[in-house]
Amino acid sequence: MASEDRDGSESDMHLSEGELNYVDGSEEEGRHTPWVRKSYPEFNAETDLKDPKFQVGQIFASVDLFRKAVRAHALKQRRAVVFEKNDPNRIRVGCKSENCGCNMLGHKYVNQWRVNPYWNFAGFAQQLRDDYSVDASLWQYFRARKYAKKLIEGTVKEQYARIWDYYAELRRMNPGSTTQVKFSLDGDIPVFQRIYICLAALRKAWLEGCRRIIGLDGCFIKGQHRGQLLTAVGVDPNNQMYPIAYAVVETENRET
């Protein structure tokens, strides 16, 4: 559209119809108020996520925020949804009865597990009833806790990738300590095999105040990445076990 300036010249204005409202002016003046810009409501992540309300023209800061709002709304309405493949102009959401939104619950209550890693099912179920008036299943609890633990601790792969940081920190904070790490190569990718740690303070105390007895023991490590924990222990002046060194290995054999 074009508008006329006070000096009589015309200037181009490029405004979409969605941004403009036409407002009638006073009839006594015999003229209309010009086009004015329309203001759309903006979704507030801090206050609106607990009970999302959607409006036509509502603005979201990002696609991820919109998805979180849809999941929260679905949970509030006791509906299960799944996000289908997007197209350039739309985000498509469909119903799926088997999708419980456990990841969303894990993300929402991650601070609960961060403060209390032993937050149990009874507390989780009560919190869900207070917030959404829905009942939780034990399966939802375990899936949500698993996702929250992943957010807090990182994945197992990420933790193993930082083994050299752990090695360097041990040597920096405990001068004189003995630490050894062994890797194998899978192509160009290093794969952790074993680590041995003997802290200098423990070794010194054993030499100065413990009996000259060393016992060896080990136990199996259960979980996603199995192995064995081997320990060397002594006997202190109170006839109690005294840790000297320990190692995490793939298996107990002559080499390890």
C-alpha atoms as a PDB file:
ATOM      1  CA  MET A   1       0.000   0.000   0.000  1.00  0.00           C
ATOM      2  CA  ALA A   2       1.111   3.621  -0.389  1.00  0.00           C
ATOM      3  CA  SER A   3       0.740   6.557   1.982  1.00  0.00           C
ATOM      4  CA  GLU A   4       0.926  10.287   1.360  1.00  0.00           C
ATOM      5  CA  ASP A   5       3.379  12.357   3.396  1.00  0.00           C
ATOM      6  CA  ARG A   6       2.689  15.912   4.576  1.00  0.00           C
ATOM      7  CA  ASP A   7       4.740  17.328   1.729  1.00  0.00           C
ATOM      8  CA  GLY A   8       2.505  15.492  -0.753  1.00  0.00           C
ATOM      9  CA  SER A   9       5.013  12.838  -1.721  1.00  0.00           C
ATOM     10  CA  GLU A  10       4.157   9.114  -1.521  1.00  0.00           C
ATOM     11  CA  SER A  11       6.157   6.534   0.415  1.00  0.00           C
ATOM     12  CA  ASP A  12       5.760   2.744   0.287  1.00  0.00           C
ATOM     13  CA  MET A  13       4.719   0.828   3.386  1.00  0.00           C
ATOM     14  CA  HIS A  14       5.157  -2.948   3.450  1.00  0.00           C
ATOM     15  CA  LEU A  15       3.089  -4.391   6.288  1.00  0.00           C
ATOM     16  CA  SER A  16       1.382  -7.746   6.230  1.00  0.00           C
ATOM     17  CA  GLU A  17      -2.321  -8.040   6.930  1.00  0.00           C
ATOM     18  CA  GLY A  18      -1.602 -10.094  10.056  1.00  0.00           C
ATOM     19  CA  GLU A  19       0.274  -7.141  11.569  1.00  0.00           C
ATOM     20  CA  LEU A  20      -2.441  -4.523  11.005  1.00  0.00           C
ATOM     21  CA  ASN A  21      -5.881  -3.695  12.337  1.00  0.00           C
ATOM     22  CA  TYR A  22      -8.141  -1.029  10.869  1.00  0.00           C
ATOM     23  CA  VAL A  23      -9.732   1.120  13.582  1.00  0.00           C
ATOM     24  CA  ASP A  24     -12.645   3.455  12.905  1.00  0.00           C
ATOM     25  CA  GLY A  25     -12.117   7.010  14.034  1.00  0.00           C
ATOM     26  CA  SER A  26     -14.609   9.621  15.212  1.00  0.00           C
ATOM     27  CA  GLU A  27     -17.563  10.171  12.894  1.00  0.00           C
ATOM     28  CA  GLU A  28     -17.607  13.859  13.824  1.00  0.00           C
ATOM     29  CA  GLU A  29     -14.208  14.320  12.283  1.00  0.00           C
ATOM     30  CA  GLY A  30     -15.358  12.507   9.164  1.00  0.00           C
ATOM     31  CA  ARG A  31     -12.240  10.455   8.828  1.00  0.00           C
ATOM     32  CA  HIS A  32     -10.753   7.127   9.829  1.00  0.00           C
ATOM     33  CA  THR A  33      -7.787   6.376  12.056  1.00  0.00           C
ATOM     34  CA  PRO A  34      -4.922   4.937   9.955  1.00  0.00           C
ATOM     35  CA  TRP A  35      -3.746   1.333  10.140  1.00  0.00           C
ATOM     36  CA  VAL A  36      -2.225   0.358  13.491  1.00  0.00           C
ATOM     37  CA  ARG A  37       0.058  -2.520  14.382  1.00  0.00           C
ATOM     38  CA  LYS A  38      -1.571  -5.514  16.093  1.00  0.00           C
ATOM     39  CA  SER A  39       0.067  -6.910  19.255  1.00  0.00           C
ATOM     40  CA  TYR A  40       0.148 -10.705  19.684  1.00  0.00           C
ATOM     41  CA  PRO A  41       0.506 -12.443  23.078  1.00  0.00           C
ATOM     42  CA  GLU A  42       3.901 -13.989  23.767  1.00  0.00           C
ATOM     43  CA  PHE A  43       4.225 -17.319  25.575  1.00  0.00           C
ATOM     44  CA  ASN A  44       6.173 -16.996  28.844  1.00  0.00           C
ATOM     45  CA  ALA A  45       8.200 -20.136  29.552  1.00  0.00           C
ATOM     46  CA  GLU A  46       8.595 -19.334  33.259  1.00  0.00           C
ATOM     47  CA  THR A  47       4.914 -18.815  34.077  1.00  0.00           C
ATOM     48  CA  ASP A  48       2.846 -20.459  31.314  1.00  0.00           C
ATOM     49  CA  LEU A  49       4.381 -23.946  31.098  1.00  0.00           C
ATOM     50  CA  LYS A  50       2.572 -25.199  34.183  1.00  0.00           C
ATOM     51  CA  ASP A  51      -0.829 -24.790  32.505  1.00  0.00           C
ATOM     52  CA  PRO A  52      -0.392 -23.721  28.855  1.00  0.00           C
ATOM     53  CA  LYS A  53      -3.202 -21.809  27.161  1.00  0.00           C
ATOM     54  CA  PHE A  54      -3.039 -21.399  23.383  1.00  0.00           C
ATOM     55  CA  GLN A  55      -4.349 -18.410  21.437  1.00  0.00           C
ATOM     56  CA  VAL A  56      -4.509 -17.594  17.758  1.00  0.00           C
ATOM     57  CA  GLY A  57      -1.433 -15.605  16.786  1.00  0.00           C
ATOM     58  CA  GLN A  58       0.451 -16.519  19.964  1.00  0.00           C
ATOM     59  CA  ILE A  59       4.225 -16.119  19.706  1.00  0.00           C
ATOM     60  CA  PHE A  60       6.762 -18.701  20.907  1.00  0.00           C
ATOM     61  CA  ALA A  61      10.452 -17.970  21.295  1.00  0.00           C
ATOM     62  CA  SER A  62      11.483 -21.263  19.655  1.00  0.00           C
ATOM     63  CA  VAL A  63      10.165 -24.508  18.214  1.00  0.00           C
ATOM     64  CA  ASP A  64      11.462 -26.398  21.256  1.00  0.00           C
ATOM     65  CA  LEU A  65       9.460 -24.156  23.596  1.00  0.00           C
ATOM     66  CA  PHE A  66       6.309 -24.753  21.565  1.00  0.00           C
ATOM     67  CA  ARG A  67       6.842 -28.507  21.755  1.00  0.00           C
ATOM     68  CA  LYS A  68       7.292 -28.325  25.528  1.00  0.00           C
ATOM     69  CA  ALA A  69       4.071 -26.350  25.805  1.00  0.00           C
ATOM     70  CA  VAL A  70       2.183 -28.926  23.713  1.00  0.00           C
ATOM     71  CA  ARG A  71       3.507 -31.783  25.864  1.00  0.00           C
ATOM     72  CA  ALA A  72       2.590 -29.965  29.068  1.00  0.00           C
ATOM     73  CA  HIS A  73      -0.893 -29.209  27.744  1.00  0.00           C
ATOM     74  CA  ALA A  74      -1.363 -32.831  26.656  1.00  0.00           C
ATOM     75  CA  LEU A  75      -0.334 -34.065  30.085  1.00  0.00           C
ATOM     76  CA  LYS A  76      -2.699 -31.617  31.746  1.00  0.00           C
ATOM     77  CA  GLN A  77      -5.554 -32.868  29.541  1.00  0.00           C
ATOM     78  CA  ARG A  78      -4.562 -36.518  30.091  1.00  0.00           C
ATOM     79  CA  ARG A  79      -3.759 -37.036  26.449  1.00  0.00           C
ATOM     80  CA  ALA A  80      -0.781 -38.755  24.865  1.00  0.00           C
ATOM     81  CA  VAL A  81       0.702 -37.060  21.803  1.00  0.00           C
ATOM     82  CA  VAL A  82       3.495 -37.710  19.342  1.00  0.00           C
ATOM     83  CA  PHE A  83       5.197 -35.195  17.064  1.00  0.00           C
ATOM     84  CA  GLU A  84       5.072 -36.141  13.415  1.00  0.00           C
ATOM     85  CA  LYS A  85       7.482 -34.980  10.739  1.00  0.00           C
ATOM     86  CA  ASN A  86       7.360 -31.214  10.339  1.00  0.00           C
ATOM     87  CA  ASP A  87       6.922 -29.351   7.094  1.00  0.00           C
ATOM     88  CA  PRO A  88       8.386 -25.864   6.446  1.00  0.00           C
ATOM     89  CA  ASN A  89       5.307 -24.035   7.796  1.00  0.00           C
ATOM     90  CA  ARG A  90       3.749 -26.341  10.374  1.00  0.00           C
ATOM     91  CA  ILE A  91       4.473 -28.510  13.391  1.00  0.00           C
ATOM     92  CA  ARG A  92       2.213 -31.536  13.295  1.00  0.00           C
ATOM     93  CA  VAL A  93       1.119 -33.350  16.442  1.00  0.00           C
ATOM     94  CA  GLY A  94      -0.859 -36.561  16.596  1.00  0.00           C
ATOM     95  CA  CYS A  95      -2.330 -38.744  19.323  1.00  0.00           C
ATOM     96  CA  LYS A  96      -0.550 -41.874  20.439  1.00  0.00           C
ATOM     97  CA  SER A  97      -1.869 -43.713  23.453  1.00  0.00           C
ATOM     98  CA  GLU A  98       1.408 -45.479  24.256  1.00  0.00           C
ATOM     99  CA  ASN A  99       3.503 -42.313  24.437  1.00  0.00           C
ATOM    100  CA  CYS A 100       3.508 -41.125  28.064  1.00  0.00           C
ATOM    101  CA  GLY A 101       5.818 -38.107  27.836  1.00  0.00           C
ATOM    102  CA  CYS A 102       8.308 -39.588  30.315  1.00  0.00           C
ATOM    103  CA  ASN A 103      11.151 -37.461  28.986  1.00  0.00           C
ATOM    104  CA  MET A 104       9.105 -34.317  29.611  1.00  0.00           C
ATOM    105  CA  LEU A 105       8.443 -35.457  33.184  1.00  0.00           C
ATOM    106  CA  GLY A 106      12.125 -36.229  33.689  1.00  0.00           C
ATOM    107  CA  HIS A 107      13.031 -32.763  32.411  1.00  0.00           C
ATOM    108  CA  LYS A 108      10.408 -31.054  34.573  1.00  0.00           C
ATOM    109  CA  TYR A 109      11.430 -32.814  37.786  1.00  0.00           C
ATOM    110  CA  VAL A 110      15.175 -33.009  37.154  1.00  0.00           C
ATOM    111  CA  ASN A 111      15.865 -30.693  40.108  1.00  0.00           C
ATOM    112  CA  GLN A 112      13.974 -33.028  42.424  1.00  0.00           C
ATOM    113  CA  TRP A 113      16.354 -35.861  41.542  1.00  0.00           C
ATOM    114  CA  ARG A 114      19.356 -33.530  41.620  1.00  0.00           C
ATOM    115  CA  VAL A 115      18.597 -32.566  45.234  1.00  0.00           C
ATOM    116  CA  ASN A 116      17.442 -36.042  46.255  1.00  0.00           C
ATOM    117  CA  PRO A 117      18.780 -38.878  44.029  1.00  0.00           C
ATOM    118  CA  TYR A 118      16.641 -41.321  46.061  1.00  0.00           C
ATOM    119  CA  TRP A 119      13.344 -39.551  45.355  1.00  0.00           C
ATOM    120  CA  ASN A 120      11.009 -42.545  45.296  1.00  0.00           C
ATOM    121  CA  PHE A 121       7.926 -43.512  43.347  1.00  0.00           C
ATOM    122  CA  ALA A 122       5.509 -42.419  46.105  1.00  0.00           C
ATOM    123  CA  GLY A 123       6.911 -38.883  46.081  1.00  0.00           C
ATOM    124  CA  PHE A 124       6.937 -38.774  42.276  1.00  0.00           C
ATOM    125  CA  ALA A 125       3.332 -39.961  42.031  1.00  0.00           C
ATOM    126  CA  GLN A 126       2.145 -37.449  44.644  1.00  0.00           C
ATOM    127  CA  GLN A 127       3.940 -34.593  42.871  1.00  0.00           C
ATOM    128  CA  LEU A 128       2.312 -35.571  39.580  1.00  0.00           C
ATOM    129  CA  ARG A 129      -1.126 -35.618  41.214  1.00  0.00           C
ATOM    130  CA  ASP A 130      -0.533 -32.195  42.763  1.00  0.00           C
ATOM    131  CA  ASP A 131       0.664 -30.629  39.507  1.00  0.00           C
ATOM    132  CA  TYR A 132      -1.512 -32.326  36.885  1.00  0.00           C
ATOM    133  CA  SER A 133      -4.207 -34.311  38.753  1.00  0.00           C
ATOM    134  CA  VAL A 134      -3.109 -37.513  37.026  1.00  0.00           C
ATOM    135  CA  ASP A 135      -1.875 -40.848  38.359  1.00  0.00           C
ATOM    136  CA  ALA A 136       1.616 -42.096  37.539  1.00  0.00           C
ATOM    137  CA  SER A 137       2.643 -45.644  36.749  1.00  0.00           C
ATOM    138  CA  LEU A 138       5.812 -47.323  37.969  1.00  0.00           C
ATOM    139  CA  TRP A 139       6.954 -47.567  34.361  1.00  0.00           C
ATOM    140  CA  GLN A 140       6.615 -43.797  33.929  1.00  0.00           C
ATOM    141  CA  TYR A 141       8.623 -43.250  37.098  1.00  0.00           C
ATOM    142  CA  PHE A 142      11.549 -45.389  35.960  1.00  0.00           C
ATOM    143  CA  ARG A 143      11.625 -43.850  32.490  1.00  0.00           C
ATOM    144  CA  ALA A 144      11.435 -40.295  33.854  1.00  0.00           C
ATOM    145  CA  ARG A 145      14.141 -41.016  36.450  1.00  0.00           C
ATOM    146  CA  LYS A 146      16.404 -42.503  33.796  1.00  0.00           C
ATOM    147  CA  TYR A 147      16.055 -39.406  31.624  1.00  0.00           C
ATOM    148  CA  ALA A 148      16.630 -37.054  34.590  1.00  0.00           C
ATOM    149  CA  LYS A 149      19.756 -39.007  35.553  1.00  0.00           C
ATOM    150  CA  LYS A 150      21.003 -38.621  32.002  1.00  0.00           C
ATOM    151  CA  LEU A 151      20.509 -34.845  32.227  1.00  0.00           C
ATOM    152  CA  ILE A 152      22.292 -34.662  35.587  1.00  0.00           C
ATOM    153  CA  GLU A 153      25.211 -37.015  35.063  1.00  0.00           C
ATOM    154  CA  GLY A 154      25.468 -37.146  31.292  1.00  0.00           C
ATOM    155  CA  THR A 155      25.522 -40.343  29.308  1.00  0.00           C
ATOM    156  CA  VAL A 156      27.945 -43.166  30.087  1.00  0.00           C
ATOM    157  CA  LYS A 157      29.755 -42.373  26.848  1.00  0.00           C
ATOM    158  CA  GLU A 158      30.264 -38.751  27.917  1.00  0.00           C
ATOM    159  CA  GLN A 159      31.619 -39.869  31.295  1.00  0.00           C
ATOM    160  CA  TYR A 160      34.151 -42.230  29.766  1.00  0.00           C
ATOM    161  CA  ALA A 161      35.217 -39.473  27.381  1.00  0.00           C
ATOM    162  CA  ARG A 162      36.337 -37.459  30.452  1.00  0.00           C
ATOM    163  CA  ILE A 163      38.523 -40.187  31.938  1.00  0.00           C
ATOM    164  CA  TRP A 164      41.671 -38.227  31.105  1.00  0.00           C
ATOM    165  CA  ASP A 165      40.285 -35.191  32.978  1.00  0.00           C
ATOM    166  CA  TYR A 166      39.779 -37.432  36.011  1.00  0.00           C
ATOM    167  CA  TYR A 167      43.306 -38.792  35.634  1.00  0.00           C
ATOM    168  CA  ALA A 168      44.813 -35.285  35.447  1.00  0.00           C
ATOM    169  CA  GLU A 169      42.787 -34.025  38.424  1.00  0.00           C
ATOM    170  CA  LEU A 170      43.928 -36.936  40.587  1.00  0.00           C
ATOM    171  CA  ARG A 171      47.578 -36.167  39.845  1.00  0.00           C
ATOM    172  CA  ARG A 172      47.078 -32.423  40.374  1.00  0.00           C
ATOM    173  CA  MET A 173      45.286 -32.720  43.727  1.00  0.00           C
ATOM    174  CA  ASN A 174      47.356 -35.645  45.057  1.00  0.00           C
ATOM    175  CA  PRO A 175      51.031 -35.071  44.189  1.00  0.00           C
ATOM    176  CA  GLY A 176      53.075 -38.256  44.309  1.00  0.00           C
ATOM    177  CA  SER A 177      50.112 -40.522  43.573  1.00  0.00           C
ATOM    178  CA  THR A 178      50.407 -43.391  41.108  1.00  0.00           C
ATOM    179  CA  THR A 179      47.771 -43.476  38.378  1.00  0.00           C
ATOM    180  CA  GLN A 180      47.727 -45.453  35.160  1.00  0.00           C
ATOM    181  CA  VAL A 181      45.127 -45.600  32.408  1.00  0.00           C
ATOM    182  CA  LYS A 182      45.104 -48.082  29.542  1.00  0.00           C
ATOM    183  CA  PHE A 183      43.148 -47.762  26.298  1.00  0.00           C
ATOM    184  CA  SER A 184      42.812 -49.832  23.168  1.00  0.00           C
ATOM    185  CA  LEU A 185      42.032 -48.465  19.720  1.00  0.00           C
ATOM    186  CA  ASP A 186      38.942 -49.281  17.698  1.00  0.00           C
ATOM    187  CA  GLY A 187      40.109 -47.739  14.445  1.00  0.00           C
ATOM    188  CA  ASP A 188      40.894 -44.173  15.491  1.00  0.00           C
ATOM    189  CA  ILE A 189      38.581 -44.257  18.518  1.00  0.00           C
ATOM    190  CA  PRO A 190      40.165 -44.936  21.954  1.00  0.00           C
ATOM    191  CA  VAL A 191      38.281 -47.520  24.045  1.00  0.00           C
ATOM    192  CA  PHE A 192      38.738 -47.611  27.820  1.00  0.00           C
ATOM    193  CA  GLN A 193      40.208 -50.843  29.256  1.00  0.00           C
ATOM    194  CA  ARG A 194      41.429 -50.255  32.788  1.00  0.00           C
ATOM    195  CA  ILE A 195      42.606 -47.711  35.364  1.00  0.00           C
ATOM    196  CA  TYR A 196      44.859 -48.115  38.437  1.00  0.00           C
ATOM    197  CA  ILE A 197      44.960 -45.610  41.325  1.00  0.00           C
ATOM    198  CA  CYS A 198      47.153 -45.465  44.426  1.00  0.00           C
ATOM    199  CA  LEU A 199      46.845 -42.182  46.308  1.00  0.00           C
ATOM    200  CA  ALA A 200      50.084 -40.890  47.856  1.00  0.00           C
ATOM    201  CA  ALA A 201      48.495 -40.115  51.246  1.00  0.00           C
ATOM    202  CA  LEU A 202      47.115 -43.653  51.579  1.00  0.00           C
ATOM    203  CA  ARG A 203      50.418 -45.214  50.582  1.00  0.00           C
ATOM    204  CA  LYS A 204      52.373 -43.060  53.033  1.00  0.00           C
ATOM    205  CA  ALA A 205      50.013 -43.799  55.926  1.00  0.00           C
ATOM    206  CA  TRP A 206      50.200 -47.529  55.243  1.00  0.00           C
ATOM    207  CA  LEU A 207      53.993 -47.481  55.251  1.00  0.00           C
ATOM    208  CA  GLU A 208      54.186 -45.453  58.486  1.00  0.00           C
ATOM    209  CA  GLY A 209      51.381 -46.851  60.603  1.00  0.00           C
ATOM    210  CA  CYS A 210      49.991 -50.159  59.326  1.00  0.00           C
ATOM    211  CA  ARG A 211      51.067 -53.751  59.526  1.00  0.00           C
ATOM    212  CA  ARG A 212      53.028 -55.154  56.608  1.00  0.00           C
ATOM    213  CA  ILE A 213      50.082 -57.174  55.376  1.00  0.00           C
ATOM    214  CA  ILE A 214      48.403 -56.746  52.010  1.00  0.00           C
ATOM    215  CA  GLY A 215      45.194 -58.485  51.021  1.00  0.00           C
ATOM    216  CA  LEU A 216      43.760 -58.623  47.517  1.00  0.00           C
ATOM    217  CA  ASP A 217      40.072 -58.754  46.727  1.00  0.00           C
ATOM    218  CA  GLY A 218      37.696 -57.988  43.888  1.00  0.00           C
ATOM    219  CA  CYS A 219      34.055 -57.765  42.927  1.00  0.00           C
ATOM    220  CA  PHE A 220      32.064 -57.673  39.710  1.00  0.00           C
ATOM    221  CA  ILE A 221      30.728 -54.397  38.331  1.00  0.00           C
ATOM    222  CA  LYS A 222      27.146 -54.656  37.118  1.00  0.00           C
ATOM    223  CA  GLY A 223      25.433 -52.273  34.782  1.00  0.00           C
ATOM    224  CA  GLN A 224      25.697 -51.111  31.200  1.00  0.00           C
ATOM    225  CA  HIS A 225      29.494 -51.599  31.093  1.00  0.00           C
ATOM    226  CA  ARG A 226      30.639 -54.599  33.050  1.00  0.00           C
ATOM    227  CA  GLY A 227      34.058 -55.257  34.542  1.00  0.00           C
ATOM    228  CA  GLN A 228      35.728 -55.882  37.875  1.00  0.00           C
ATOM    229  CA  LEU A 229      36.865 -53.714  40.760  1.00  0.00           C
ATOM    230  CA  LEU A 230      40.128 -54.959  42.298  1.00  0.00           C
ATOM    231  CA  THR A 231      41.412 -53.636  45.626  1.00  0.00           C
ATOM    232  CA  ALA A 232      44.561 -53.927  47.727  1.00  0.00           C
ATOM    233  CA  VAL A 233      43.890 -53.516  51.460  1.00  0.00           C
ATOM    234  CA  GLY A 234      46.013 -53.558  54.599  1.00  0.00           C
ATOM    235  CA  VAL A 235      45.354 -53.754  58.338  1.00  0.00           C
ATOM    236  CA  ASP A 236      45.487 -50.593  60.451  1.00  0.00           C
ATOM    237  CA  PRO A 237      46.419 -50.390  64.184  1.00  0.00           C
ATOM    238  CA  ASN A 238      42.753 -51.007  65.115  1.00  0.00           C
ATOM    239  CA  ASN A 239      42.718 -54.274  63.136  1.00  0.00           C
ATOM    240  CA  GLN A 240      40.417 -52.672  60.544  1.00  0.00           C
ATOM    241  CA  MET A 241      40.786 -52.863  56.775  1.00  0.00           C
ATOM    242  CA  TYR A 242      42.832 -50.045  55.266  1.00  0.00           C
ATOM    243  CA  PRO A 243      42.557 -49.248  51.509  1.00  0.00           C
ATOM    244  CA  ILE A 244      45.899 -48.960  49.729  1.00  0.00           C
ATOM    245  CA  ALA A 245      45.123 -49.053  46.006  1.00  0.00           C
ATOM    246  CA  TYR A 246      42.318 -49.984  43.620  1.00  0.00           C
ATOM    247  CA  ALA A 247      41.802 -50.685  39.943  1.00  0.00           C
ATOM    248  CA  VAL A 248      38.941 -51.041  37.503  1.00  0.00           C
ATOM    249  CA  VAL A 249      39.681 -53.722  34.909  1.00  0.00           C
ATOM    250  CA  GLU A 250      37.845 -55.662  32.229  1.00  0.00           C
ATOM    251  CA  THR A 251      38.556 -59.014  33.922  1.00  0.00           C
ATOM    252  CA  GLU A 252      40.772 -60.455  36.626  1.00  0.00           C
ATOM    253  CA  ASN A 253      43.751 -62.233  35.049  1.00  0.00           C
ATOM    254  CA  ARG A 254      47.539 -62.298  35.097  1.00  0.00           C
ATOM    255  CA  GLU A 255      47.811 -59.265  32.840  1.00  0.00           C
ATOM    256  CA  THR A 256      45.568 -57.020  34.936  1.00  0.00           C
END
